[in-house]
Amino acid sequence: MVVTTDALRTQIAEKFLTLGILKDEDCRILPPSAPYPVVGVLKHKPKELSEVDLFFESCNVVVTTSHVAGQCSEALQERIAHHCPFLFIDEAHHVEAPTWQTFGGAY
């Protein structure tokens, strides 16, 4: 998941960590026994491909900002894309910004 700000990154990561309303007693969408995902919060650009591999292989969900993703080299972005079968973009009306355009090229 790619979001625009640190506040959104934190909010989204916390919702994934708790599964939000999906495990809420009133909604009962998921049973209480459903496992929680491993959520990674990418706050800094990785330095090496092996760092991308280790981080992304350890997580079910990764949340970062367009700023962090956009700072990554093309090789790092391609490796991130390799590990992410799905990319969700929050605030998609920002996709014309340079940081979004840079990161979007890997996908």
PDB file of N, CA and C in Angstrom:
ATOM      1  N   MET A   1       0.855  -1.164   0.000  1.00  0.00           N
ATOM      2  CA  MET A   1       0.000   0.000   0.000  1.00  0.00           C
ATOM      3  C   MET A   1       0.899   1.224   0.000  1.00  0.00           C
ATOM      4  N   VAL A   2       0.652   2.135  -0.889  1.00  0.00           N
ATOM      5  CA  VAL A   2       1.423   3.377  -0.967  1.00  0.00           C
ATOM      6  C   VAL A   2       0.479   4.528  -0.631  1.00  0.00           C
ATOM      7  N   VAL A   3       0.886   5.316   0.352  1.00  0.00           N
ATOM      8  CA  VAL A   3       0.079   6.447   0.811  1.00  0.00           C
ATOM      9  C   VAL A   3       0.894   7.731   0.714  1.00  0.00           C
ATOM     10  N   THR A   4       0.243   8.850   0.943  1.00  0.00           N
ATOM     11  CA  THR A   4       0.902  10.139   0.734  1.00  0.00           C
ATOM     12  C   THR A   4       1.647  10.684   1.946  1.00  0.00           C
ATOM     13  N   THR A   5       1.246  10.296   3.160  1.00  0.00           N
ATOM     14  CA  THR A   5       1.853  10.898   4.350  1.00  0.00           C
ATOM     15  C   THR A   5       2.184   9.855   5.408  1.00  0.00           C
ATOM     16  N   ASP A   6       3.044  10.239   6.342  1.00  0.00           N
ATOM     17  CA  ASP A   6       3.389   9.363   7.454  1.00  0.00           C
ATOM     18  C   ASP A   6       2.155   9.060   8.302  1.00  0.00           C
ATOM     19  N   ALA A   7       1.306  10.046   8.512  1.00  0.00           N
ATOM     20  CA  ALA A   7       0.100   9.830   9.324  1.00  0.00           C
ATOM     21  C   ALA A   7      -0.788   8.756   8.699  1.00  0.00           C
ATOM     22  N   LEU A   8      -0.972   8.810   7.385  1.00  0.00           N
ATOM     23  CA  LEU A   8      -1.763   7.782   6.704  1.00  0.00           C
ATOM     24  C   LEU A   8      -1.066   6.428   6.740  1.00  0.00           C
ATOM     25  N   ARG A   9       0.247   6.433   6.606  1.00  0.00           N
ATOM     26  CA  ARG A   9       1.008   5.176   6.666  1.00  0.00           C
ATOM     27  C   ARG A   9       0.778   4.502   8.014  1.00  0.00           C
ATOM     28  N   THR A  10       0.852   5.274   9.084  1.00  0.00           N
ATOM     29  CA  THR A  10       0.628   4.740  10.427  1.00  0.00           C
ATOM     30  C   THR A  10      -0.803   4.252  10.600  1.00  0.00           C
ATOM     31  N   GLN A  11      -1.760   5.042  10.160  1.00  0.00           N
ATOM     32  CA  GLN A  11      -3.176   4.678  10.296  1.00  0.00           C
ATOM     33  C   GLN A  11      -3.495   3.391   9.534  1.00  0.00           C
ATOM     34  N   ILE A  12      -3.046   3.289   8.304  1.00  0.00           N
ATOM     35  CA  ILE A  12      -3.321   2.111   7.488  1.00  0.00           C
ATOM     36  C   ILE A  12      -2.637   0.876   8.076  1.00  0.00           C
ATOM     37  N   ALA A  13      -1.396   1.032   8.498  1.00  0.00           N
ATOM     38  CA  ALA A  13      -0.675  -0.104   9.089  1.00  0.00           C
ATOM     39  C   ALA A  13      -1.386  -0.610  10.335  1.00  0.00           C
ATOM     40  N   GLU A  14      -1.864   0.296  11.176  1.00  0.00           N
ATOM     41  CA  GLU A  14      -2.577  -0.111  12.389  1.00  0.00           C
ATOM     42  C   GLU A  14      -3.871  -0.846  12.057  1.00  0.00           C
ATOM     43  N   LYS A  15      -4.572  -0.416  11.025  1.00  0.00           N
ATOM     44  CA  LYS A  15      -5.797  -1.114  10.616  1.00  0.00           C
ATOM     45  C   LYS A  15      -5.489  -2.529  10.129  1.00  0.00           C
ATOM     46  N   PHE A  16      -4.400  -2.679   9.375  1.00  0.00           N
ATOM     47  CA  PHE A  16      -4.023  -4.020   8.938  1.00  0.00           C
ATOM     48  C   PHE A  16      -3.604  -4.884  10.129  1.00  0.00           C
ATOM     49  N   LEU A  17      -2.865  -4.297  11.076  1.00  0.00           N
ATOM     50  CA  LEU A  17      -2.407  -5.060  12.241  1.00  0.00           C
ATOM     51  C   LEU A  17      -3.562  -5.629  13.053  1.00  0.00           C
ATOM     52  N   THR A  18      -4.649  -4.866  13.143  1.00  0.00           N
ATOM     53  CA  THR A  18      -5.795  -5.302  13.956  1.00  0.00           C
ATOM     54  C   THR A  18      -6.912  -5.904  13.118  1.00  0.00           C
ATOM     55  N   LEU A  19      -6.774  -5.830  11.822  1.00  0.00           N
ATOM     56  CA  LEU A  19      -7.806  -6.222  10.856  1.00  0.00           C
ATOM     57  C   LEU A  19      -9.071  -5.388  11.003  1.00  0.00           C
ATOM     58  N   GLY A  20      -8.949  -4.232  11.635  1.00  0.00           N
ATOM     59  CA  GLY A  20     -10.054  -3.275  11.727  1.00  0.00           C
ATOM     60  C   GLY A  20     -11.375  -3.928  12.079  1.00  0.00           C
ATOM     61  N   ILE A  21     -12.401  -3.607  11.328  1.00  0.00           N
ATOM     62  CA  ILE A  21     -13.738  -4.141  11.619  1.00  0.00           C
ATOM     63  C   ILE A  21     -13.898  -5.595  11.200  1.00  0.00           C
ATOM     64  N   LEU A  22     -12.943  -6.135  10.467  1.00  0.00           N
ATOM     65  CA  LEU A  22     -13.073  -7.518  10.002  1.00  0.00           C
ATOM     66  C   LEU A  22     -13.154  -8.518  11.150  1.00  0.00           C
ATOM     67  N   LYS A  23     -12.515  -8.175  12.292  1.00  0.00           N
ATOM     68  CA  LYS A  23     -12.574  -9.067  13.452  1.00  0.00           C
ATOM     69  C   LYS A  23     -13.436  -8.477  14.569  1.00  0.00           C
ATOM     70  N   ASP A  24     -14.131  -7.417  14.267  1.00  0.00           N
ATOM     71  CA  ASP A  24     -15.002  -6.774  15.247  1.00  0.00           C
ATOM     72  C   ASP A  24     -16.123  -7.737  15.653  1.00  0.00           C
ATOM     73  N   GLU A  25     -16.437  -7.782  16.933  1.00  0.00           N
ATOM     74  CA  GLU A  25     -17.480  -8.698  17.425  1.00  0.00           C
ATOM     75  C   GLU A  25     -18.841  -8.428  16.797  1.00  0.00           C
ATOM     76  N   ASP A  26     -19.123  -7.175  16.478  1.00  0.00           N
ATOM     77  CA  ASP A  26     -20.421  -6.838  15.894  1.00  0.00           C
ATOM     78  C   ASP A  26     -20.516  -7.252  14.428  1.00  0.00           C
ATOM     79  N   CYS A  27     -19.418  -7.162  13.698  1.00  0.00           N
ATOM     80  CA  CYS A  27     -19.449  -7.484  12.261  1.00  0.00           C
ATOM     81  C   CYS A  27     -19.264  -8.970  12.000  1.00  0.00           C
ATOM     82  N   ARG A  28     -18.353  -9.589  12.699  1.00  0.00           N
ATOM     83  CA  ARG A  28     -18.072 -11.029  12.561  1.00  0.00           C
ATOM     84  C   ARG A  28     -17.805 -11.453  11.114  1.00  0.00           C
ATOM     85  N   ILE A  29     -17.041 -10.652  10.407  1.00  0.00           N
ATOM     86  CA  ILE A  29     -16.674 -11.001   9.041  1.00  0.00           C
ATOM     87  C   ILE A  29     -15.624 -12.114   9.058  1.00  0.00           C
ATOM     88  N   LEU A  30     -14.681 -12.020   9.984  1.00  0.00           N
ATOM     89  CA  LEU A  30     -13.666 -13.057  10.165  1.00  0.00           C
ATOM     90  C   LEU A  30     -13.861 -13.705  11.533  1.00  0.00           C
ATOM     91  N   PRO A  31     -13.588 -14.979  11.649  1.00  0.00           N
ATOM     92  CA  PRO A  31     -13.706 -15.627  12.960  1.00  0.00           C
ATOM     93  C   PRO A  31     -12.590 -15.154  13.891  1.00  0.00           C
ATOM     94  N   PRO A  32     -12.811 -15.235  15.188  1.00  0.00           N
ATOM     95  CA  PRO A  32     -11.773 -14.826  16.147  1.00  0.00           C
ATOM     96  C   PRO A  32     -10.455 -15.575  15.946  1.00  0.00           C
ATOM     97  N   SER A  33     -10.514 -16.774  15.385  1.00  0.00           N
ATOM     98  CA  SER A  33      -9.302 -17.575  15.183  1.00  0.00           C
ATOM     99  C   SER A  33      -8.503 -17.164  13.937  1.00  0.00           C
ATOM    100  N   ALA A  34      -9.026 -16.266  13.117  1.00  0.00           N
ATOM    101  CA  ALA A  34      -8.316 -15.842  11.900  1.00  0.00           C
ATOM    102  C   ALA A  34      -6.987 -15.196  12.280  1.00  0.00           C
ATOM    103  N   PRO A  35      -5.906 -15.606  11.618  1.00  0.00           N
ATOM    104  CA  PRO A  35      -4.595 -15.034  11.971  1.00  0.00           C
ATOM    105  C   PRO A  35      -4.467 -13.581  11.519  1.00  0.00           C
ATOM    106  N   TYR A  36      -3.676 -12.840  12.263  1.00  0.00           N
ATOM    107  CA  TYR A  36      -3.386 -11.453  11.898  1.00  0.00           C
ATOM    108  C   TYR A  36      -2.244 -11.440  10.881  1.00  0.00           C
ATOM    109  N   PRO A  37      -2.244 -10.479   9.962  1.00  0.00           N
ATOM    110  CA  PRO A  37      -1.152 -10.401   8.984  1.00  0.00           C
ATOM    111  C   PRO A  37       0.123  -9.843   9.612  1.00  0.00           C
ATOM    112  N   VAL A  38       1.241 -10.155   8.990  1.00  0.00           N
ATOM    113  CA  VAL A  38       2.510  -9.531   9.354  1.00  0.00           C
ATOM    114  C   VAL A  38       2.591  -8.262   8.522  1.00  0.00           C
ATOM    115  N   VAL A  39       2.600  -7.125   9.191  1.00  0.00           N
ATOM    116  CA  VAL A  39       2.568  -5.825   8.518  1.00  0.00           C
ATOM    117  C   VAL A  39       3.927  -5.158   8.632  1.00  0.00           C
ATOM    118  N   GLY A  40       4.494  -4.790   7.499  1.00  0.00           N
ATOM    119  CA  GLY A  40       5.754  -4.064   7.477  1.00  0.00           C
ATOM    120  C   GLY A  40       5.504  -2.608   7.143  1.00  0.00           C
ATOM    121  N   VAL A  41       6.149  -1.723   7.886  1.00  0.00           N
ATOM    122  CA  VAL A  41       6.042  -0.288   7.636  1.00  0.00           C
ATOM    123  C   VAL A  41       7.402   0.174   7.131  1.00  0.00           C
ATOM    124  N   LEU A  42       7.451   0.509   5.855  1.00  0.00           N
ATOM    125  CA  LEU A  42       8.699   0.931   5.231  1.00  0.00           C
ATOM    126  C   LEU A  42       8.848   2.439   5.409  1.00  0.00           C
ATOM    127  N   LYS A  43       9.778   2.829   6.303  1.00  0.00           N
ATOM    128  CA  LYS A  43       9.961   4.252   6.625  1.00  0.00           C
ATOM    129  C   LYS A  43      11.170   4.875   5.937  1.00  0.00           C
ATOM    130  N   HIS A  44      12.078   4.028   5.476  1.00  0.00           N
ATOM    131  CA  HIS A  44      13.293   4.501   4.814  1.00  0.00           C
ATOM    132  C   HIS A  44      13.538   3.643   3.583  1.00  0.00           C
ATOM    133  N   LYS A  45      14.151   4.232   2.579  1.00  0.00           N
ATOM    134  CA  LYS A  45      14.421   3.444   1.376  1.00  0.00           C
ATOM    135  C   LYS A  45      15.463   2.379   1.688  1.00  0.00           C
ATOM    136  N   PRO A  46      15.243   1.190   1.174  1.00  0.00           N
ATOM    137  CA  PRO A  46      16.239   0.131   1.354  1.00  0.00           C
ATOM    138  C   PRO A  46      17.528   0.501   0.632  1.00  0.00           C
ATOM    139  N   LYS A  47      18.640  -0.005   1.137  1.00  0.00           N
ATOM    140  CA  LYS A  47      19.924   0.315   0.524  1.00  0.00           C
ATOM    141  C   LYS A  47      20.346  -0.730  -0.511  1.00  0.00           C
ATOM    142  N   GLU A  48      19.929  -1.984  -0.305  1.00  0.00           N
ATOM    143  CA  GLU A  48      20.357  -3.068  -1.182  1.00  0.00           C
ATOM    144  C   GLU A  48      19.182  -3.962  -1.554  1.00  0.00           C
ATOM    145  N   LEU A  49      19.337  -4.678  -2.654  1.00  0.00           N
ATOM    146  CA  LEU A  49      18.294  -5.606  -3.096  1.00  0.00           C
ATOM    147  C   LEU A  49      18.023  -6.670  -2.045  1.00  0.00           C
ATOM    148  N   SER A  50      19.076  -7.130  -1.372  1.00  0.00           N
ATOM    149  CA  SER A  50      18.895  -8.163  -0.346  1.00  0.00           C
ATOM    150  C   SER A  50      18.049  -7.647   0.817  1.00  0.00           C
ATOM    151  N   GLU A  51      18.136  -6.355   1.097  1.00  0.00           N
ATOM    152  CA  GLU A  51      17.317  -5.747   2.149  1.00  0.00           C
ATOM    153  C   GLU A  51      15.841  -5.745   1.735  1.00  0.00           C
ATOM    154  N   VAL A  52      15.579  -5.468   0.463  1.00  0.00           N
ATOM    155  CA  VAL A  52      14.208  -5.527  -0.065  1.00  0.00           C
ATOM    156  C   VAL A  52      13.687  -6.949   0.066  1.00  0.00           C
ATOM    157  N   ASP A  53      14.492  -7.908  -0.359  1.00  0.00           N
ATOM    158  CA  ASP A  53      14.068  -9.308  -0.299  1.00  0.00           C
ATOM    159  C   ASP A  53      13.724  -9.726   1.120  1.00  0.00           C
ATOM    160  N   LEU A  54      14.598  -9.472   2.053  1.00  0.00           N
ATOM    161  CA  LEU A  54      14.379  -9.878   3.443  1.00  0.00           C
ATOM    162  C   LEU A  54      13.124  -9.229   4.019  1.00  0.00           C
ATOM    163  N   PHE A  55      12.961  -7.936   3.791  1.00  0.00           N
ATOM    164  CA  PHE A  55      11.817  -7.200   4.344  1.00  0.00           C
ATOM    165  C   PHE A  55      10.502  -7.693   3.734  1.00  0.00           C
ATOM    166  N   PHE A  56      10.439  -7.742   2.418  1.00  0.00           N
ATOM    167  CA  PHE A  56       9.184  -8.078   1.746  1.00  0.00           C
ATOM    168  C   PHE A  56       8.812  -9.554   1.899  1.00  0.00           C
ATOM    169  N   GLU A  57       9.807 -10.431   1.979  1.00  0.00           N
ATOM    170  CA  GLU A  57       9.513 -11.848   2.186  1.00  0.00           C
ATOM    171  C   GLU A  57       9.027 -12.132   3.604  1.00  0.00           C
ATOM    172  N   SER A  58       9.260 -11.201   4.524  1.00  0.00           N
ATOM    173  CA  SER A  58       8.847 -11.368   5.915  1.00  0.00           C
ATOM    174  C   SER A  58       7.454 -10.819   6.189  1.00  0.00           C
ATOM    175  N   CYS A  59       6.832 -10.171   5.215  1.00  0.00           N
ATOM    176  CA  CYS A  59       5.568  -9.457   5.437  1.00  0.00           C
ATOM    177  C   CYS A  59       4.445  -9.978   4.548  1.00  0.00           C
ATOM    178  N   ASN A  60       3.230  -9.853   5.065  1.00  0.00           N
ATOM    179  CA  ASN A  60       2.038 -10.104   4.250  1.00  0.00           C
ATOM    180  C   ASN A  60       1.550  -8.816   3.606  1.00  0.00           C
ATOM    181  N   VAL A  61       1.780  -7.702   4.302  1.00  0.00           N
ATOM    182  CA  VAL A  61       1.346  -6.378   3.853  1.00  0.00           C
ATOM    183  C   VAL A  61       2.486  -5.406   4.123  1.00  0.00           C
ATOM    184  N   VAL A  62       2.776  -4.541   3.156  1.00  0.00           N
ATOM    185  CA  VAL A  62       3.779  -3.494   3.350  1.00  0.00           C
ATOM    186  C   VAL A  62       3.105  -2.156   3.078  1.00  0.00           C
ATOM    187  N   VAL A  63       3.331  -1.208   3.972  1.00  0.00           N
ATOM    188  CA  VAL A  63       2.771   0.133   3.824  1.00  0.00           C
ATOM    189  C   VAL A  63       3.936   1.117   3.801  1.00  0.00           C
ATOM    190  N   THR A  64       3.943   1.989   2.807  1.00  0.00           N
ATOM    191  CA  THR A  64       4.985   3.003   2.700  1.00  0.00           C
ATOM    192  C   THR A  64       4.385   4.278   2.123  1.00  0.00           C
ATOM    193  N   THR A  65       5.209   5.292   2.003  1.00  0.00           N
ATOM    194  CA  THR A  65       4.759   6.547   1.393  1.00  0.00           C
ATOM    195  C   THR A  65       5.323   6.653  -0.022  1.00  0.00           C
ATOM    196  N   SER A  66       4.691   7.487  -0.821  1.00  0.00           N
ATOM    197  CA  SER A  66       5.184   7.709  -2.176  1.00  0.00           C
ATOM    198  C   SER A  66       6.573   8.337  -2.136  1.00  0.00           C
ATOM    199  N   HIS A  67       6.852   9.122  -1.112  1.00  0.00           N
ATOM    200  CA  HIS A  67       8.162   9.761  -0.980  1.00  0.00           C
ATOM    201  C   HIS A  67       9.261   8.708  -0.821  1.00  0.00           C
ATOM    202  N   VAL A  68       9.048   7.752   0.074  1.00  0.00           N
ATOM    203  CA  VAL A  68      10.040   6.696   0.286  1.00  0.00           C
ATOM    204  C   VAL A  68      10.177   5.850  -0.977  1.00  0.00           C
ATOM    205  N   ALA A  69       9.078   5.415  -1.536  1.00  0.00           N
ATOM    206  CA  ALA A  69       9.113   4.574  -2.728  1.00  0.00           C
ATOM    207  C   ALA A  69       9.758   5.311  -3.903  1.00  0.00           C
ATOM    208  N   GLY A  70       9.448   6.589  -4.042  1.00  0.00           N
ATOM    209  CA  GLY A  70       9.980   7.377  -5.145  1.00  0.00           C
ATOM    210  C   GLY A  70      11.463   7.649  -5.044  1.00  0.00           C
ATOM    211  N   GLN A  71      12.030   7.552  -3.844  1.00  0.00           N
ATOM    212  CA  GLN A  71      13.470   7.765  -3.661  1.00  0.00           C
ATOM    213  C   GLN A  71      14.297   6.538  -4.028  1.00  0.00           C
ATOM    214  N   CYS A  72      13.666   5.410  -4.159  1.00  0.00           N
ATOM    215  CA  CYS A  72      14.381   4.170  -4.464  1.00  0.00           C
ATOM    216  C   CYS A  72      14.893   4.183  -5.902  1.00  0.00           C
ATOM    217  N   SER A  73      16.034   3.558  -6.089  1.00  0.00           N
ATOM    218  CA  SER A  73      16.576   3.427  -7.444  1.00  0.00           C
ATOM    219  C   SER A  73      15.641   2.554  -8.277  1.00  0.00           C
ATOM    220  N   GLU A  74      15.835   2.591  -9.561  1.00  0.00           N
ATOM    221  CA  GLU A  74      15.004   1.775 -10.455  1.00  0.00           C
ATOM    222  C   GLU A  74      15.137   0.290 -10.110  1.00  0.00           C
ATOM    223  N   ALA A  75      16.353  -0.145  -9.796  1.00  0.00           N
ATOM    224  CA  ALA A  75      16.571  -1.554  -9.447  1.00  0.00           C
ATOM    225  C   ALA A  75      15.808  -1.935  -8.174  1.00  0.00           C
ATOM    226  N   LEU A  76      15.836  -1.054  -7.178  1.00  0.00           N
ATOM    227  CA  LEU A  76      15.100  -1.320  -5.936  1.00  0.00           C
ATOM    228  C   LEU A  76      13.598  -1.331  -6.192  1.00  0.00           C
ATOM    229  N   GLN A  77      13.122  -0.403  -7.002  1.00  0.00           N
ATOM    230  CA  GLN A  77      11.691  -0.359  -7.317  1.00  0.00           C
ATOM    231  C   GLN A  77      11.259  -1.622  -8.055  1.00  0.00           C
ATOM    232  N   GLU A  78      12.078  -2.086  -8.964  1.00  0.00           N
ATOM    233  CA  GLU A  78      11.742  -3.310  -9.690  1.00  0.00           C
ATOM    234  C   GLU A  78      11.698  -4.514  -8.751  1.00  0.00           C
ATOM    235  N   ARG A  79      12.603  -4.557  -7.771  1.00  0.00           N
ATOM    236  CA  ARG A  79      12.608  -5.666  -6.815  1.00  0.00           C
ATOM    237  C   ARG A  79      11.378  -5.582  -5.911  1.00  0.00           C
ATOM    238  N   ILE A  80      11.002  -4.376  -5.505  1.00  0.00           N
ATOM    239  CA  ILE A  80       9.782  -4.202  -4.710  1.00  0.00           C
ATOM    240  C   ILE A  80       8.586  -4.691  -5.524  1.00  0.00           C
ATOM    241  N   ALA A  81       8.510  -4.294  -6.782  1.00  0.00           N
ATOM    242  CA  ALA A  81       7.399  -4.708  -7.644  1.00  0.00           C
ATOM    243  C   ALA A  81       7.357  -6.231  -7.786  1.00  0.00           C
ATOM    244  N   HIS A  82       8.522  -6.857  -7.837  1.00  0.00           N
ATOM    245  CA  HIS A  82       8.605  -8.315  -7.931  1.00  0.00           C
ATOM    246  C   HIS A  82       7.913  -8.984  -6.737  1.00  0.00           C
ATOM    247  N   HIS A  83       8.037  -8.387  -5.565  1.00  0.00           N
ATOM    248  CA  HIS A  83       7.478  -8.960  -4.336  1.00  0.00           C
ATOM    249  C   HIS A  83       6.018  -8.584  -4.100  1.00  0.00           C
ATOM    250  N   CYS A  84       5.483  -7.670  -4.878  1.00  0.00           N
ATOM    251  CA  CYS A  84       4.130  -7.157  -4.629  1.00  0.00           C
ATOM    252  C   CYS A  84       3.193  -7.513  -5.784  1.00  0.00           C
ATOM    253  N   PRO A  85       2.381  -8.547  -5.605  1.00  0.00           N
ATOM    254  CA  PRO A  85       1.447  -8.881  -6.671  1.00  0.00           C
ATOM    255  C   PRO A  85       0.327  -7.852  -6.818  1.00  0.00           C
ATOM    256  N   PHE A  86       0.108  -7.060  -5.766  1.00  0.00           N
ATOM    257  CA  PHE A  86      -0.925  -6.026  -5.797  1.00  0.00           C
ATOM    258  C   PHE A  86      -0.348  -4.726  -5.249  1.00  0.00           C
ATOM    259  N   LEU A  87      -0.734  -3.620  -5.860  1.00  0.00           N
ATOM    260  CA  LEU A  87      -0.329  -2.306  -5.385  1.00  0.00           C
ATOM    261  C   LEU A  87      -1.582  -1.477  -5.187  1.00  0.00           C
ATOM    262  N   PHE A  88      -1.789  -1.009  -3.971  1.00  0.00           N
ATOM    263  CA  PHE A  88      -2.928  -0.150  -3.667  1.00  0.00           C
ATOM    264  C   PHE A  88      -2.393   1.246  -3.400  1.00  0.00           C
ATOM    265  N   ILE A  89      -2.979   2.223  -4.076  1.00  0.00           N
ATOM    266  CA  ILE A  89      -2.539   3.606  -3.940  1.00  0.00           C
ATOM    267  C   ILE A  89      -3.650   4.409  -3.294  1.00  0.00           C
ATOM    268  N   ASP A  90      -3.341   4.984  -2.131  1.00  0.00           N
ATOM    269  CA  ASP A  90      -4.277   5.861  -1.454  1.00  0.00           C
ATOM    270  C   ASP A  90      -4.108   7.259  -2.043  1.00  0.00           C
ATOM    271  N   GLU A  91      -5.190   8.001  -2.099  1.00  0.00           N
ATOM    272  CA  GLU A  91      -5.125   9.368  -2.640  1.00  0.00           C
ATOM    273  C   GLU A  91      -4.649   9.330  -4.101  1.00  0.00           C
ATOM    274  N   ALA A  92      -5.249   8.480  -4.894  1.00  0.00           N
ATOM    275  CA  ALA A  92      -4.797   8.252  -6.271  1.00  0.00           C
ATOM    276  C   ALA A  92      -4.829   9.508  -7.139  1.00  0.00           C
ATOM    277  N   HIS A  93      -5.538  10.534  -6.711  1.00  0.00           N
ATOM    278  CA  HIS A  93      -5.539  11.755  -7.514  1.00  0.00           C
ATOM    279  C   HIS A  93      -4.164  12.427  -7.525  1.00  0.00           C
ATOM    280  N   HIS A  94      -3.231  11.933  -6.684  1.00  0.00           N
ATOM    281  CA  HIS A  94      -1.871  12.464  -6.660  1.00  0.00           C
ATOM    282  C   HIS A  94      -0.942  11.757  -7.648  1.00  0.00           C
ATOM    283  N   VAL A  95      -1.447  10.806  -8.415  1.00  0.00           N
ATOM    284  CA  VAL A  95      -0.570  10.000  -9.266  1.00  0.00           C
ATOM    285  C   VAL A  95       0.191  10.814 -10.305  1.00  0.00           C
ATOM    286  N   GLU A  96      -0.211  12.016 -10.560  1.00  0.00           N
ATOM    287  CA  GLU A  96       0.522  12.842 -11.519  1.00  0.00           C
ATOM    288  C   GLU A  96       1.757  13.494 -10.908  1.00  0.00           C
ATOM    289  N   ALA A  97       1.896  13.427  -9.580  1.00  0.00           N
ATOM    290  CA  ALA A  97       3.070  14.016  -8.929  1.00  0.00           C
ATOM    291  C   ALA A  97       4.330  13.250  -9.338  1.00  0.00           C
ATOM    292  N   PRO A  98       5.486  13.931  -9.392  1.00  0.00           N
ATOM    293  CA  PRO A  98       6.725  13.274  -9.833  1.00  0.00           C
ATOM    294  C   PRO A  98       7.088  12.021  -9.033  1.00  0.00           C
ATOM    295  N   THR A  99       6.866  12.029  -7.702  1.00  0.00           N
ATOM    296  CA  THR A  99       7.229  10.848  -6.910  1.00  0.00           C
ATOM    297  C   THR A  99       6.370   9.651  -7.294  1.00  0.00           C
ATOM    298  N   TRP A 100       5.115   9.885  -7.612  1.00  0.00           N
ATOM    299  CA  TRP A 100       4.246   8.784  -8.037  1.00  0.00           C
ATOM    300  C   TRP A 100       4.667   8.284  -9.405  1.00  0.00           C
ATOM    301  N   GLN A 101       4.970   9.205 -10.313  1.00  0.00           N
ATOM    302  CA  GLN A 101       5.362   8.825 -11.665  1.00  0.00           C
ATOM    303  C   GLN A 101       6.640   7.994 -11.639  1.00  0.00           C
ATOM    304  N   THR A 102       7.584   8.392 -10.798  1.00  0.00           N
ATOM    305  CA  THR A 102       8.848   7.659 -10.694  1.00  0.00           C
ATOM    306  C   THR A 102       8.601   6.249 -10.205  1.00  0.00           C
ATOM    307  N   PHE A 103       7.830   6.104  -9.131  1.00  0.00           N
ATOM    308  CA  PHE A 103       7.584   4.780  -8.574  1.00  0.00           C
ATOM    309  C   PHE A 103       6.695   3.949  -9.484  1.00  0.00           C
ATOM    310  N   GLY A 104       5.730   4.572 -10.123  1.00  0.00           N
ATOM    311  CA  GLY A 104       4.804   3.844 -10.990  1.00  0.00           C
ATOM    312  C   GLY A 104       5.473   3.176 -12.162  1.00  0.00           C
ATOM    313  N   GLY A 105       6.640   3.646 -12.559  1.00  0.00           N
ATOM    314  CA  GLY A 105       7.347   3.048 -13.679  1.00  0.00           C
ATOM    315  C   GLY A 105       7.768   1.609 -13.427  1.00  0.00           C
ATOM    316  N   ALA A 106       7.940   1.256 -12.149  1.00  0.00           N
ATOM    317  CA  ALA A 106       8.348  -0.108 -11.820  1.00  0.00           C
ATOM    318  C   ALA A 106       7.182  -1.074 -12.023  1.00  0.00           C
ATOM    319  N   TYR A 107       5.958  -0.571 -12.023  1.00  0.00           N
ATOM    320  CA  TYR A 107       4.792  -1.409 -12.186  1.00  0.00           C
ATOM    321  C   TYR A 107       4.309  -1.332 -13.597  1.00  0.00           C
TER     322      TYR A 107
END
